[in-house]
Amino acid sequence: MCSVITLVDVDLSLPEHAHALLELISRYARDPMGGGEDLAPEVKAVLVQRLRERADYFGVLAFDGATPVALINCFEGFSTFMARPLMNVHDVYVEPDYRGQGLSRRLLQRVEDVARLRGCGKLTLEVLDGNASAIASYRRFGFETYALDPAFGRAQFWQKKL
């Protein structure tokens, strides 16, 4: 492995960034923590273009030389309780050989820096209960579960597929 990992903000107009994003998100999808199945071909065919069309998208890539080794995808949202934007961390993926080296912390720090520049009031993310290493990493970075009133318990992330 090269000793210097460089981080760059995703620019999907650059073919090397588009290719790196697709490759890494595909690897993440195949990872057990990403669901264990590759993205459908029809998703791969449109993902980059659809992300390019979104003004709320922000991402960061990590490269070891010319090799992409990590990715973070984020989307700006809005907190009505704060009347400020928020930054949702949607995907975090680090290649297995690069885990445990503080790379996710570097990616998250870049996201935090951008979120602060945009006036965001908070960062949000979701994580699987069984992903102990990610949970530990997020806690070290300052994330925590939240409750509006502890008497009502912690907030949960739910979904309904359409």
Protein backbone atom coordinates (compact mmCIF):
# COMPACT_ATOMS: atom_id res chain seq x y z
CA MET A 1 0.00 0.00 0.00
CA CYS A 2 1.10 3.53 -0.71
CA SER A 3 1.73 5.54 2.45
CA VAL A 4 -0.18 8.65 1.35
CA ILE A 5 -3.94 8.45 0.92
CA THR A 6 -5.42 11.52 -0.75
CA LEU A 7 -8.97 12.74 -0.31
CA VAL A 8 -10.83 14.60 -3.03
CA ASP A 9 -14.34 15.97 -3.22
CA VAL A 10 -16.34 14.01 -5.77
CA ASP A 11 -16.67 15.71 -9.14
CA LEU A 12 -18.87 13.48 -11.26
CA SER A 13 -17.99 15.41 -14.41
CA LEU A 14 -14.59 13.68 -14.17
CA PRO A 15 -14.69 10.15 -15.64
CA GLU A 16 -12.20 8.86 -13.06
CA HIS A 17 -14.44 10.05 -10.21
CA ALA A 18 -17.55 8.59 -11.83
CA HIS A 19 -15.80 5.25 -12.35
CA ALA A 20 -14.39 5.25 -8.79
CA LEU A 21 -17.80 6.02 -7.28
CA LEU A 22 -19.49 3.22 -9.23
CA GLU A 23 -16.77 0.72 -8.38
CA LEU A 24 -16.74 1.53 -4.67
CA ILE A 25 -20.52 1.68 -4.25
CA SER A 26 -20.75 -1.67 -6.05
CA ARG A 27 -18.21 -3.16 -3.63
CA TYR A 28 -20.11 -1.66 -0.71
CA ALA A 29 -23.37 -3.17 -1.93
CA ARG A 30 -21.68 -6.59 -2.14
CA ASP A 31 -20.25 -6.24 1.39
CA PRO A 32 -22.32 -7.95 4.12
CA MET A 33 -22.90 -4.56 5.76
CA GLY A 34 -24.17 -3.18 2.46
CA GLY A 35 -26.66 -5.97 1.88
CA GLY A 36 -24.45 -8.60 0.23
CA GLU A 37 -25.74 -8.12 -3.33
CA ASP A 38 -24.37 -6.02 -6.16
CA LEU A 39 -26.35 -3.11 -7.52
CA ALA A 40 -28.73 -3.98 -10.32
CA PRO A 41 -27.38 -3.20 -13.80
CA GLU A 42 -30.15 -0.66 -14.36
CA VAL A 43 -29.08 1.18 -11.18
CA LYS A 44 -25.43 1.23 -12.26
CA ALA A 45 -26.50 2.57 -15.66
CA VAL A 46 -28.15 5.70 -14.20
CA LEU A 47 -26.59 6.32 -10.78
CA VAL A 48 -23.87 8.77 -11.77
CA GLN A 49 -26.19 10.85 -13.96
CA ARG A 50 -28.88 10.97 -11.28
CA LEU A 51 -26.35 12.05 -8.65
CA ARG A 52 -25.06 14.75 -11.03
CA GLU A 53 -28.62 16.11 -11.25
CA ARG A 54 -28.91 16.53 -7.48
CA ALA A 55 -27.89 19.87 -6.00
CA ASP A 56 -28.00 18.32 -2.51
CA TYR A 57 -25.31 15.67 -3.22
CA PHE A 58 -21.81 15.84 -1.78
CA GLY A 59 -19.21 13.08 -1.73
CA VAL A 60 -15.57 12.42 -0.95
CA LEU A 61 -13.28 9.83 -2.49
CA ALA A 62 -10.03 8.49 -1.05
CA PHE A 63 -7.28 7.35 -3.40
CA ASP A 64 -4.13 5.34 -2.80
CA GLY A 65 -2.21 6.65 -5.79
CA ALA A 66 -4.69 6.18 -8.64
CA THR A 67 -6.60 3.39 -6.85
CA PRO A 68 -9.91 4.37 -5.21
CA VAL A 69 -10.06 2.91 -1.69
CA ALA A 70 -12.88 4.71 0.14
CA LEU A 71 -16.05 6.71 -0.46
CA ILE A 72 -18.53 8.75 1.49
CA ASN A 73 -21.82 9.92 -0.07
CA CYS A 74 -23.91 12.62 1.58
CA PHE A 75 -27.08 14.54 0.95
CA GLU A 76 -28.07 17.87 2.39
CA GLY A 77 -31.42 17.92 4.14
CA PHE A 78 -33.16 20.32 6.47
CA SER A 79 -33.90 20.33 10.20
CA THR A 80 -37.19 22.02 10.95
CA PHE A 81 -36.38 22.01 14.69
CA MET A 82 -33.15 23.95 14.03
CA ALA A 83 -34.36 25.89 10.94
CA ARG A 84 -31.01 25.00 9.37
CA PRO A 85 -29.72 22.54 6.83
CA LEU A 86 -28.30 19.20 7.94
CA MET A 87 -25.89 16.84 6.22
CA ASN A 88 -26.94 13.21 6.03
CA VAL A 89 -24.11 10.73 5.63
CA HIS A 90 -25.72 8.12 3.41
CA ASP A 91 -22.88 5.75 2.45
CA VAL A 92 -19.49 5.15 4.05
CA TYR A 93 -17.28 2.50 2.49
CA VAL A 94 -13.62 1.70 3.09
CA GLU A 95 -11.89 -1.15 1.26
CA PRO A 96 -11.15 -4.00 3.71
CA ASP A 97 -7.34 -3.67 3.39
CA TYR A 98 -7.62 0.00 4.40
CA ARG A 99 -9.88 -0.36 7.43
CA GLY A 100 -8.59 0.45 10.89
CA GLN A 101 -6.30 3.22 9.64
CA GLY A 102 -8.48 6.23 10.47
CA LEU A 103 -9.69 6.70 6.91
CA SER A 104 -13.39 6.93 7.82
CA ARG A 105 -12.47 9.62 10.37
CA ARG A 106 -10.70 11.63 7.67
CA LEU A 107 -13.71 11.28 5.36
CA LEU A 108 -16.12 12.30 8.12
CA GLN A 109 -13.94 15.27 9.02
CA ARG A 110 -14.10 16.52 5.43
CA VAL A 111 -17.88 16.13 5.48
CA GLU A 112 -18.09 18.02 8.77
CA ASP A 113 -15.94 20.82 7.39
CA VAL A 114 -18.19 21.18 4.33
CA ALA A 115 -21.34 20.95 6.46
CA ARG A 116 -20.08 23.76 8.70
CA LEU A 117 -19.30 25.91 5.64
CA ARG A 118 -22.87 25.32 4.41
CA GLY A 119 -24.31 26.36 7.77
CA CYS A 120 -25.56 22.89 8.68
CA GLY A 121 -26.70 22.37 12.25
CA LYS A 122 -25.88 18.68 12.44
CA LEU A 123 -24.66 15.55 10.72
CA THR A 124 -26.90 12.49 10.59
CA LEU A 125 -26.36 8.90 9.57
CA GLU A 126 -27.78 5.42 9.88
CA VAL A 127 -25.86 2.32 10.90
CA LEU A 128 -26.79 -1.33 11.36
CA ASP A 129 -26.97 -2.56 14.96
CA GLY A 130 -24.56 -5.39 14.12
CA ASN A 131 -21.87 -3.17 12.59
CA ALA A 132 -19.86 -2.82 15.80
CA SER A 133 -16.72 -1.41 14.17
CA ALA A 134 -18.66 1.32 12.36
CA ILE A 135 -20.60 2.17 15.52
CA ALA A 136 -17.35 2.47 17.47
CA SER A 137 -15.86 4.67 14.75
CA TYR A 138 -18.90 6.94 14.66
CA ARG A 139 -18.95 7.24 18.47
CA ARG A 140 -15.25 8.18 18.48
CA PHE A 141 -16.07 10.88 15.94
CA GLY A 142 -18.82 12.25 18.19
CA PHE A 143 -22.01 10.70 16.82
CA GLU A 144 -24.56 9.35 19.25
CA THR A 145 -28.08 8.00 19.18
CA TYR A 146 -30.61 10.66 20.00
CA ALA A 147 -33.86 11.15 21.84
CA LEU A 148 -35.96 14.27 22.00
CA ASP A 149 -37.14 13.20 25.45
CA PRO A 150 -35.38 10.19 27.04
CA ALA A 151 -38.72 9.10 28.52
CA PHE A 152 -39.86 8.24 24.97
CA GLY A 153 -36.73 6.35 23.97
CA ARG A 154 -34.23 6.70 21.16
CA ALA A 155 -35.08 7.68 17.62
CA GLN A 156 -35.15 4.87 15.06
CA PHE A 157 -34.56 4.95 11.32
CA TRP A 158 -37.37 3.20 9.42
CA GLN A 159 -38.19 2.70 5.77
CA LYS A 160 -41.07 1.80 3.49
CA LYS A 161 -39.96 0.79 0.03
CA LEU A 162 -42.02 2.11 -2.86
